[in-house]
PDB file of N, CA and C in Angstrom:
ATOM      1  N   MET A   1      89.002 186.328 193.674  1.00  0.00           N
ATOM      2  CA  MET A   1      87.835 186.282 194.132  1.00  0.00           C
ATOM      3  C   MET A   1      87.507 186.904 195.646  1.00  0.00           C
ATOM      4  N   GLU A   2      86.426 187.502 195.662  1.00  0.00           N
ATOM      5  CA  GLU A   2      86.345 188.157 196.953  1.00  0.00           C
ATOM      6  C   GLU A   2      85.388 187.270 197.922  1.00  0.00           C
ATOM      7  N   ILE A   3      85.917 186.758 199.210  1.00  0.00           N
ATOM      8  CA  ILE A   3      85.162 185.931 200.021  1.00  0.00           C
ATOM      9  C   ILE A   3      84.492 186.806 201.180  1.00  0.00           C
ATOM     10  N   THR A   4      83.085 186.547 200.880  1.00  0.00           N
ATOM     11  CA  THR A   4      82.403 187.240 201.651  1.00  0.00           C
ATOM     12  C   THR A   4      81.491 186.069 202.766  1.00  0.00           C
ATOM     13  N   ILE A   5      80.996 186.835 203.674  1.00  0.00           N
ATOM     14  CA  ILE A   5      80.005 185.769 204.444  1.00  0.00           C
ATOM     15  C   ILE A   5      78.861 185.437 203.579  1.00  0.00           C
ATOM     16  N   ASP A   6      78.291 186.011 202.685  1.00  0.00           N
ATOM     17  CA  ASP A   6      77.334 185.877 201.842  1.00  0.00           C
ATOM     18  C   ASP A   6      77.739 184.507 200.761  1.00  0.00           C
ATOM     19  N   HIS A   7      78.723 184.830 200.405  1.00  0.00           N
ATOM     20  CA  HIS A   7      79.502 183.974 199.512  1.00  0.00           C
ATOM     21  C   HIS A   7      79.632 182.673 200.002  1.00  0.00           C
ATOM     22  N   ILE A   8      80.012 182.347 201.191  1.00  0.00           N
ATOM     23  CA  ILE A   8      80.270 181.303 201.723  1.00  0.00           C
ATOM     24  C   ILE A   8      78.831 180.552 202.203  1.00  0.00           C
ATOM     25  N   ARG A   9      78.265 181.376 202.771  1.00  0.00           N
ATOM     26  CA  ARG A   9      76.688 180.661 203.006  1.00  0.00           C
ATOM     27  C   ARG A   9      76.135 180.281 201.772  1.00  0.00           C
ATOM     28  N   ASN A  10      76.101 181.352 200.762  1.00  0.00           N
ATOM     29  CA  ASN A  10      75.116 180.623 199.528  1.00  0.00           C
ATOM     30  C   ASN A  10      75.815 179.444 198.781  1.00  0.00           C
ATOM     31  N   LYS A  11      77.166 179.385 198.842  1.00  0.00           N
ATOM     32  CA  LYS A  11      77.776 178.213 198.328  1.00  0.00           C
ATOM     33  C   LYS A  11      77.617 176.948 199.188  1.00  0.00           C
ATOM     34  N   LEU A  12      77.460 176.861 200.437  1.00  0.00           N
ATOM     35  CA  LEU A  12      77.085 175.800 201.207  1.00  0.00           C
ATOM     36  C   LEU A  12      75.876 175.392 201.157  1.00  0.00           C
ATOM     37  N   THR A  13      74.849 176.506 200.862  1.00  0.00           N
ATOM     38  CA  THR A  13      73.233 176.052 200.952  1.00  0.00           C
ATOM     39  C   THR A  13      73.298 175.481 199.537  1.00  0.00           C
ATOM     40  N   THR A  14      73.788 175.892 198.525  1.00  0.00           N
ATOM     41  CA  THR A  14      73.657 175.434 197.132  1.00  0.00           C
ATOM     42  C   THR A  14      74.217 174.057 196.881  1.00  0.00           C
ATOM     43  N   GLU A  15      75.358 174.045 197.503  1.00  0.00           N
ATOM     44  CA  GLU A  15      76.272 172.773 196.977  1.00  0.00           C
ATOM     45  C   GLU A  15      76.122 171.477 198.013  1.00  0.00           C
ATOM     46  N   ILE A  16      75.818 171.802 199.253  1.00  0.00           N
ATOM     47  CA  ILE A  16      75.615 171.010 200.116  1.00  0.00           C
ATOM     48  C   ILE A  16      74.049 170.685 200.753  1.00  0.00           C
ATOM     49  N   GLY A  17      73.191 171.521 200.103  1.00  0.00           N
ATOM     50  CA  GLY A  17      71.932 171.302 200.512  1.00  0.00           C
ATOM     51  C   GLY A  17      71.759 172.008 201.945  1.00  0.00           C
ATOM     52  N   ALA A  18      72.439 172.926 202.475  1.00  0.00           N
ATOM     53  CA  ALA A  18      72.399 173.155 203.920  1.00  0.00           C
ATOM     54  C   ALA A  18      70.940 173.811 204.062  1.00  0.00           C
ATOM     55  N   VAL A  19      70.365 173.702 205.237  1.00  0.00           N
ATOM     56  CA  VAL A  19      69.181 174.173 205.651  1.00  0.00           C
ATOM     57  C   VAL A  19      69.415 175.435 206.644  1.00  0.00           C
ATOM     58  N   HIS A  20      70.346 175.447 207.170  1.00  0.00           N
ATOM     59  CA  HIS A  20      70.831 176.438 208.155  1.00  0.00           C
ATOM     60  C   HIS A  20      72.390 176.457 207.784  1.00  0.00           C
ATOM     61  N   VAL A  21      72.718 177.743 207.891  1.00  0.00           N
ATOM     62  CA  VAL A  21      74.201 178.286 207.892  1.00  0.00           C
ATOM     63  C   VAL A  21      74.315 179.355 208.682  1.00  0.00           C
ATOM     64  N   GLU A  22      75.367 179.420 209.517  1.00  0.00           N
ATOM     65  CA  GLU A  22      75.802 180.583 210.370  1.00  0.00           C
ATOM     66  C   GLU A  22      77.059 180.766 209.792  1.00  0.00           C
ATOM     67  N   VAL A  23      77.548 182.080 209.229  1.00  0.00           N
ATOM     68  CA  VAL A  23      79.017 182.466 208.989  1.00  0.00           C
ATOM     69  C   VAL A  23      79.434 183.658 209.621  1.00  0.00           C
ATOM     70  N   GLU A  24      80.762 183.390 210.540  1.00  0.00           N
ATOM     71  CA  GLU A  24      81.150 184.408 211.317  1.00  0.00           C
ATOM     72  C   GLU A  24      82.341 185.000 210.835  1.00  0.00           C
ATOM     73  N   ASP A  25      82.840 185.955 210.564  1.00  0.00           N
ATOM     74  CA  ASP A  25      84.336 186.455 210.028  1.00  0.00           C
ATOM     75  C   ASP A  25      84.963 186.813 211.429  1.00  0.00           C
ATOM     76  N   THR A  26      85.830 185.828 211.637  1.00  0.00           N
ATOM     77  CA  THR A  26      86.725 185.924 212.938  1.00  0.00           C
ATOM     78  C   THR A  26      88.104 186.700 212.908  1.00  0.00           C
ATOM     79  N   SER A  27      88.075 187.525 211.983  1.00  0.00           N
ATOM     80  CA  SER A  27      89.449 188.293 211.656  1.00  0.00           C
ATOM     81  C   SER A  27      89.376 189.399 212.505  1.00  0.00           C
ATOM     82  N   PRO A  28      90.522 189.634 213.158  1.00  0.00           N
ATOM     83  CA  PRO A  28      90.745 190.808 213.952  1.00  0.00           C
ATOM     84  C   PRO A  28      89.814 191.941 213.324  1.00  0.00           C
ATOM     85  N   ASN A  29      90.255 192.392 212.112  1.00  0.00           N
ATOM     86  CA  ASN A  29      89.686 193.653 211.360  1.00  0.00           C
ATOM     87  C   ASN A  29      88.587 193.329 210.497  1.00  0.00           C
ATOM     88  N   ARG A  30      88.055 192.281 210.679  1.00  0.00           N
ATOM     89  CA  ARG A  30      87.057 191.835 209.565  1.00  0.00           C
ATOM     90  C   ARG A  30      87.367 191.690 208.286  1.00  0.00           C
ATOM     91  N   CYS A  31      88.639 191.382 207.810  1.00  0.00           N
ATOM     92  CA  CYS A  31      89.638 191.330 206.591  1.00  0.00           C
ATOM     93  C   CYS A  31      89.326 190.060 205.853  1.00  0.00           C
ATOM     94  N   ALA A  32      88.430 189.030 206.137  1.00  0.00           N
ATOM     95  CA  ALA A  32      87.985 187.911 205.451  1.00  0.00           C
ATOM     96  C   ALA A  32      88.966 186.937 205.338  1.00  0.00           C
ATOM     97  N   ALA A  33      89.745 186.834 206.622  1.00  0.00           N
ATOM     98  CA  ALA A  33      90.796 186.008 206.391  1.00  0.00           C
ATOM     99  C   ALA A  33      90.719 184.677 207.304  1.00  0.00           C
ATOM    100  N   SER A  34      89.502 184.902 208.330  1.00  0.00           N
ATOM    101  CA  SER A  34      89.296 183.747 209.117  1.00  0.00           C
ATOM    102  C   SER A  34      87.875 183.618 209.632  1.00  0.00           C
ATOM    103  N   PHE A  35      87.359 182.497 209.208  1.00  0.00           N
ATOM    104  CA  PHE A  35      86.019 182.271 209.485  1.00  0.00           C
ATOM    105  C   PHE A  35      85.503 180.946 210.240  1.00  0.00           C
ATOM    106  N   LYS A  36      84.354 181.342 211.004  1.00  0.00           N
ATOM    107  CA  LYS A  36      83.671 180.206 211.869  1.00  0.00           C
ATOM    108  C   LYS A  36      82.445 179.796 211.324  1.00  0.00           C
ATOM    109  N   VAL A  37      81.907 178.726 210.803  1.00  0.00           N
ATOM    110  CA  VAL A  37      80.781 178.361 210.190  1.00  0.00           C
ATOM    111  C   VAL A  37      79.989 177.391 210.968  1.00  0.00           C
ATOM    112  N   LEU A  38      78.591 177.378 211.252  1.00  0.00           N
ATOM    113  CA  LEU A  38      77.991 176.145 211.371  1.00  0.00           C
ATOM    114  C   LEU A  38      77.009 175.956 210.255  1.00  0.00           C
ATOM    115  N   VAL A  39      77.045 174.652 210.050  1.00  0.00           N
ATOM    116  CA  VAL A  39      76.253 174.113 208.817  1.00  0.00           C
ATOM    117  C   VAL A  39      75.553 173.130 209.067  1.00  0.00           C
ATOM    118  N   VAL A  40      74.006 173.224 208.859  1.00  0.00           N
ATOM    119  CA  VAL A  40      73.023 172.002 209.076  1.00  0.00           C
ATOM    120  C   VAL A  40      72.799 171.696 207.612  1.00  0.00           C
ATOM    121  N   SER A  41      72.614 170.185 207.375  1.00  0.00           N
ATOM    122  CA  SER A  41      72.403 169.749 206.284  1.00  0.00           C
ATOM    123  C   SER A  41      71.863 168.308 206.432  1.00  0.00           C
ATOM    124  N   PRO A  42      70.673 167.698 205.834  1.00  0.00           N
ATOM    125  CA  PRO A  42      70.373 166.466 205.899  1.00  0.00           C
ATOM    126  C   PRO A  42      71.474 165.494 205.190  1.00  0.00           C
ATOM    127  N   GLN A  43      72.018 166.206 204.137  1.00  0.00           N
ATOM    128  CA  GLN A  43      73.184 165.414 203.599  1.00  0.00           C
ATOM    129  C   GLN A  43      74.371 164.938 204.414  1.00  0.00           C
ATOM    130  N   PHE A  44      74.288 165.230 205.830  1.00  0.00           N
ATOM    131  CA  PHE A  44      75.332 164.923 207.024  1.00  0.00           C
ATOM    132  C   PHE A  44      74.820 163.278 207.717  1.00  0.00           C
ATOM    133  N   GLU A  45      73.491 163.270 207.326  1.00  0.00           N
ATOM    134  CA  GLU A  45      72.639 162.101 208.080  1.00  0.00           C
ATOM    135  C   GLU A  45      73.576 160.869 207.729  1.00  0.00           C
ATOM    136  N   GLY A  46      74.151 160.079 208.707  1.00  0.00           N
ATOM    137  CA  GLY A  46      74.574 158.971 208.739  1.00  0.00           C
ATOM    138  C   GLY A  46      76.212 159.080 208.240  1.00  0.00           C
ATOM    139  N   LYS A  47      76.739 160.129 208.269  1.00  0.00           N
ATOM    140  CA  LYS A  47      78.224 160.536 207.910  1.00  0.00           C
ATOM    141  C   LYS A  47      78.999 160.638 209.167  1.00  0.00           C
ATOM    142  N   ALA A  48      79.990 160.128 209.489  1.00  0.00           N
ATOM    143  CA  ALA A  48      81.018 160.440 210.453  1.00  0.00           C
ATOM    144  C   ALA A  48      81.492 162.008 210.393  1.00  0.00           C
ATOM    145  N   LEU A  49      82.005 162.237 211.267  1.00  0.00           N
ATOM    146  CA  LEU A  49      82.286 163.969 211.474  1.00  0.00           C
ATOM    147  C   LEU A  49      83.202 164.249 210.571  1.00  0.00           C
ATOM    148  N   LEU A  50      84.436 163.576 210.558  1.00  0.00           N
ATOM    149  CA  LEU A  50      85.366 163.852 209.272  1.00  0.00           C
ATOM    150  C   LEU A  50      84.862 163.668 208.056  1.00  0.00           C
ATOM    151  N   HIS A  51      83.997 162.916 207.600  1.00  0.00           N
ATOM    152  CA  HIS A  51      83.392 162.970 206.098  1.00  0.00           C
ATOM    153  C   HIS A  51      82.440 164.368 206.048  1.00  0.00           C
ATOM    154  N   ARG A  52      82.052 164.688 206.877  1.00  0.00           N
ATOM    155  CA  ARG A  52      81.131 165.959 206.992  1.00  0.00           C
ATOM    156  C   ARG A  52      82.025 166.972 206.817  1.00  0.00           C
ATOM    157  N   HIS A  53      83.199 167.061 207.581  1.00  0.00           N
ATOM    158  CA  HIS A  53      84.169 168.262 207.313  1.00  0.00           C
ATOM    159  C   HIS A  53      84.597 168.077 205.791  1.00  0.00           C
ATOM    160  N   ARG A  54      85.079 166.930 205.499  1.00  0.00           N
ATOM    161  CA  ARG A  54      85.506 166.563 204.507  1.00  0.00           C
ATOM    162  C   ARG A  54      84.523 167.382 203.122  1.00  0.00           C
ATOM    163  N   MET A  55      83.294 166.956 203.359  1.00  0.00           N
ATOM    164  CA  MET A  55      82.184 167.622 202.287  1.00  0.00           C
ATOM    165  C   MET A  55      82.314 169.328 202.342  1.00  0.00           C
ATOM    166  N   VAL A  56      82.491 169.850 203.591  1.00  0.00           N
ATOM    167  CA  VAL A  56      82.626 171.202 203.606  1.00  0.00           C
ATOM    168  C   VAL A  56      83.888 171.783 203.084  1.00  0.00           C
ATOM    169  N   ASN A  57      84.918 170.992 203.282  1.00  0.00           N
ATOM    170  CA  ASN A  57      86.349 171.434 202.984  1.00  0.00           C
ATOM    171  C   ASN A  57      86.282 171.384 201.087  1.00  0.00           C
ATOM    172  N   THR A  58      85.738 170.195 200.501  1.00  0.00           N
ATOM    173  CA  THR A  58      85.511 170.090 199.067  1.00  0.00           C
ATOM    174  C   THR A  58      84.686 171.154 198.617  1.00  0.00           C
ATOM    175  N   CYS A  59      83.604 171.497 199.041  1.00  0.00           N
ATOM    176  CA  CYS A  59      82.785 172.449 198.712  1.00  0.00           C
ATOM    177  C   CYS A  59      83.384 173.940 198.469  1.00  0.00           C
ATOM    178  N   LEU A  60      84.357 174.266 199.558  1.00  0.00           N
ATOM    179  CA  LEU A  60      84.908 175.731 199.637  1.00  0.00           C
ATOM    180  C   LEU A  60      86.524 175.700 199.577  1.00  0.00           C
ATOM    181  N   ALA A  61      86.592 174.715 198.391  1.00  0.00           N
ATOM    182  CA  ALA A  61      88.143 174.191 198.394  1.00  0.00           C
ATOM    183  C   ALA A  61      88.915 175.406 197.666  1.00  0.00           C
ATOM    184  N   GLN A  62      88.179 176.207 196.860  1.00  0.00           N
ATOM    185  CA  GLN A  62      88.903 177.437 196.071  1.00  0.00           C
ATOM    186  C   GLN A  62      88.952 178.454 197.175  1.00  0.00           C
ATOM    187  N   GLU A  63      87.889 178.654 197.907  1.00  0.00           N
ATOM    188  CA  GLU A  63      88.087 179.705 199.132  1.00  0.00           C
ATOM    189  C   GLU A  63      88.900 179.375 200.212  1.00  0.00           C
ATOM    190  N   LEU A  64      89.153 178.083 200.405  1.00  0.00           N
ATOM    191  CA  LEU A  64      90.266 177.818 201.464  1.00  0.00           C
ATOM    192  C   LEU A  64      91.504 178.162 201.217  1.00  0.00           C
ATOM    193  N   LYS A  65      91.957 178.316 200.005  1.00  0.00           N
ATOM    194  CA  LYS A  65      93.196 178.575 199.592  1.00  0.00           C
ATOM    195  C   LYS A  65      93.376 180.091 200.020  1.00  0.00           C
ATOM    196  N   GLU A  66      92.493 181.013 200.207  1.00  0.00           N
ATOM    197  CA  GLU A  66      92.656 182.455 200.505  1.00  0.00           C
ATOM    198  C   GLU A  66      92.443 182.518 202.087  1.00  0.00           C
ATOM    199  N   ILE A  67      91.940 181.697 202.809  1.00  0.00           N
ATOM    200  CA  ILE A  67      91.241 181.602 204.230  1.00  0.00           C
ATOM    201  C   ILE A  67      92.502 181.099 204.924  1.00  0.00           C
ATOM    202  N   HIS A  68      92.831 182.026 206.182  1.00  0.00           N
ATOM    203  CA  HIS A  68      93.943 181.487 207.042  1.00  0.00           C
ATOM    204  C   HIS A  68      93.527 180.415 208.028  1.00  0.00           C
ATOM    205  N   ALA A  69      92.267 180.732 208.246  1.00  0.00           N
ATOM    206  CA  ALA A  69      91.931 180.063 209.716  1.00  0.00           C
ATOM    207  C   ALA A  69      90.133 179.784 209.513  1.00  0.00           C
ATOM    208  N   PHE A  70      89.713 178.385 209.399  1.00  0.00           N
ATOM    209  CA  PHE A  70      88.640 178.104 209.137  1.00  0.00           C
ATOM    210  C   PHE A  70      88.118 177.254 210.414  1.00  0.00           C
ATOM    211  N   GLU A  71      87.086 177.545 210.786  1.00  0.00           N
ATOM    212  CA  GLU A  71      86.608 176.706 212.133  1.00  0.00           C
ATOM    213  C   GLU A  71      85.130 176.225 211.492  1.00  0.00           C
ATOM    214  N   GLN A  72      84.883 174.845 211.730  1.00  0.00           N
ATOM    215  CA  GLN A  72      83.655 174.520 211.301  1.00  0.00           C
ATOM    216  C   GLN A  72      83.055 173.357 212.394  1.00  0.00           C
ATOM    217  N   LYS A  73      81.417 173.668 212.331  1.00  0.00           N
ATOM    218  CA  LYS A  73      80.886 172.772 213.128  1.00  0.00           C
ATOM    219  C   LYS A  73      79.575 172.342 212.205  1.00  0.00           C
ATOM    220  N   THR A  74      79.373 170.985 212.145  1.00  0.00           N
ATOM    221  CA  THR A  74      78.457 170.336 211.051  1.00  0.00           C
ATOM    222  C   THR A  74      77.401 169.525 211.783  1.00  0.00           C
ATOM    223  N   LEU A  75      76.183 169.675 211.624  1.00  0.00           N
ATOM    224  CA  LEU A  75      75.041 169.003 212.277  1.00  0.00           C
ATOM    225  C   LEU A  75      74.079 168.710 211.216  1.00  0.00           C
ATOM    226  N   THR A  76      73.126 167.531 211.683  1.00  0.00           N
ATOM    227  CA  THR A  76      71.925 167.101 210.842  1.00  0.00           C
ATOM    228  C   THR A  76      70.904 167.957 211.358  1.00  0.00           C
ATOM    229  N   PRO A  77      70.072 167.935 210.536  1.00  0.00           N
ATOM    230  CA  PRO A  77      68.707 168.953 211.157  1.00  0.00           C
ATOM    231  C   PRO A  77      68.242 168.256 212.557  1.00  0.00           C
ATOM    232  N   GLU A  78      68.294 167.122 212.658  1.00  0.00           N
ATOM    233  CA  GLU A  78      67.898 166.334 214.157  1.00  0.00           C
ATOM    234  C   GLU A  78      68.941 166.964 215.109  1.00  0.00           C
ATOM    235  N   GLN A  79      70.040 167.103 214.729  1.00  0.00           N
ATOM    236  CA  GLN A  79      71.164 167.494 215.991  1.00  0.00           C
ATOM    237  C   GLN A  79      70.930 168.870 216.177  1.00  0.00           C
ATOM    238  N   TRP A  80      70.688 169.591 215.050  1.00  0.00           N
ATOM    239  CA  TRP A  80      70.260 171.098 215.218  1.00  0.00           C
ATOM    240  C   TRP A  80      69.094 171.605 216.368  1.00  0.00           C
ATOM    241  N   GLU A  81      68.082 170.678 215.899  1.00  0.00           N
ATOM    242  CA  GLU A  81      67.043 170.757 216.782  1.00  0.00           C
ATOM    243  C   GLU A  81      67.196 170.601 218.252  1.00  0.00           C
ATOM    244  N   LYS A  82      67.890 169.646 218.710  1.00  0.00           N
ATOM    245  CA  LYS A  82      68.375 169.218 219.999  1.00  0.00           C
ATOM    246  C   LYS A  82      69.349 170.668 220.744  1.00  0.00           C
ATOM    247  N   VAL A  83      70.253 171.055 219.711  1.00  0.00           N
ATOM    248  CA  VAL A  83      71.055 171.939 220.365  1.00  0.00           C
ATOM    249  C   VAL A  83      70.392 173.346 220.579  1.00  0.00           C
ATOM    250  N   LYS A  84      69.200 173.683 219.720  1.00  0.00           N
ATOM    251  CA  LYS A  84      68.322 174.685 219.764  1.00  0.00           C
ATOM    252  C   LYS A  84      67.586 174.600 220.801  1.00  0.00           C
ATOM    253  N   SER A  85      66.990 173.566 221.318  1.00  0.00           N
ATOM    254  CA  SER A  85      66.179 173.279 222.490  1.00  0.00           C
ATOM    255  C   SER A  85      66.890 173.297 223.810  1.00  0.00           C
ATOM    256  N   GLN A  86      68.142 173.265 223.989  1.00  0.00           N
ATOM    257  CA  GLN A  86      68.860 173.516 225.070  1.00  0.00           C
ATOM    258  C   GLN A  86      69.106 174.734 225.750  1.00  0.00           C
TER     259      GLN A  86
END
């Protein structure tokens, strides 16, 4: 399976109902071994940070077997609006 920015974005949008996803390939040569993601989803409402991260990790379980480094930030739509306004 080829892991691409679009693949990760589409999977998070479809499976977690993300309303905004930013994915950055942080590998030194952009070889899809390291990613940084920002995921905004209403499904994160009322959930602790650890639970949100587990939701993302479960969604991307197959992909994470191939990825060497994965950094994530998970926000609710309300939190995202606050971040954008700063």
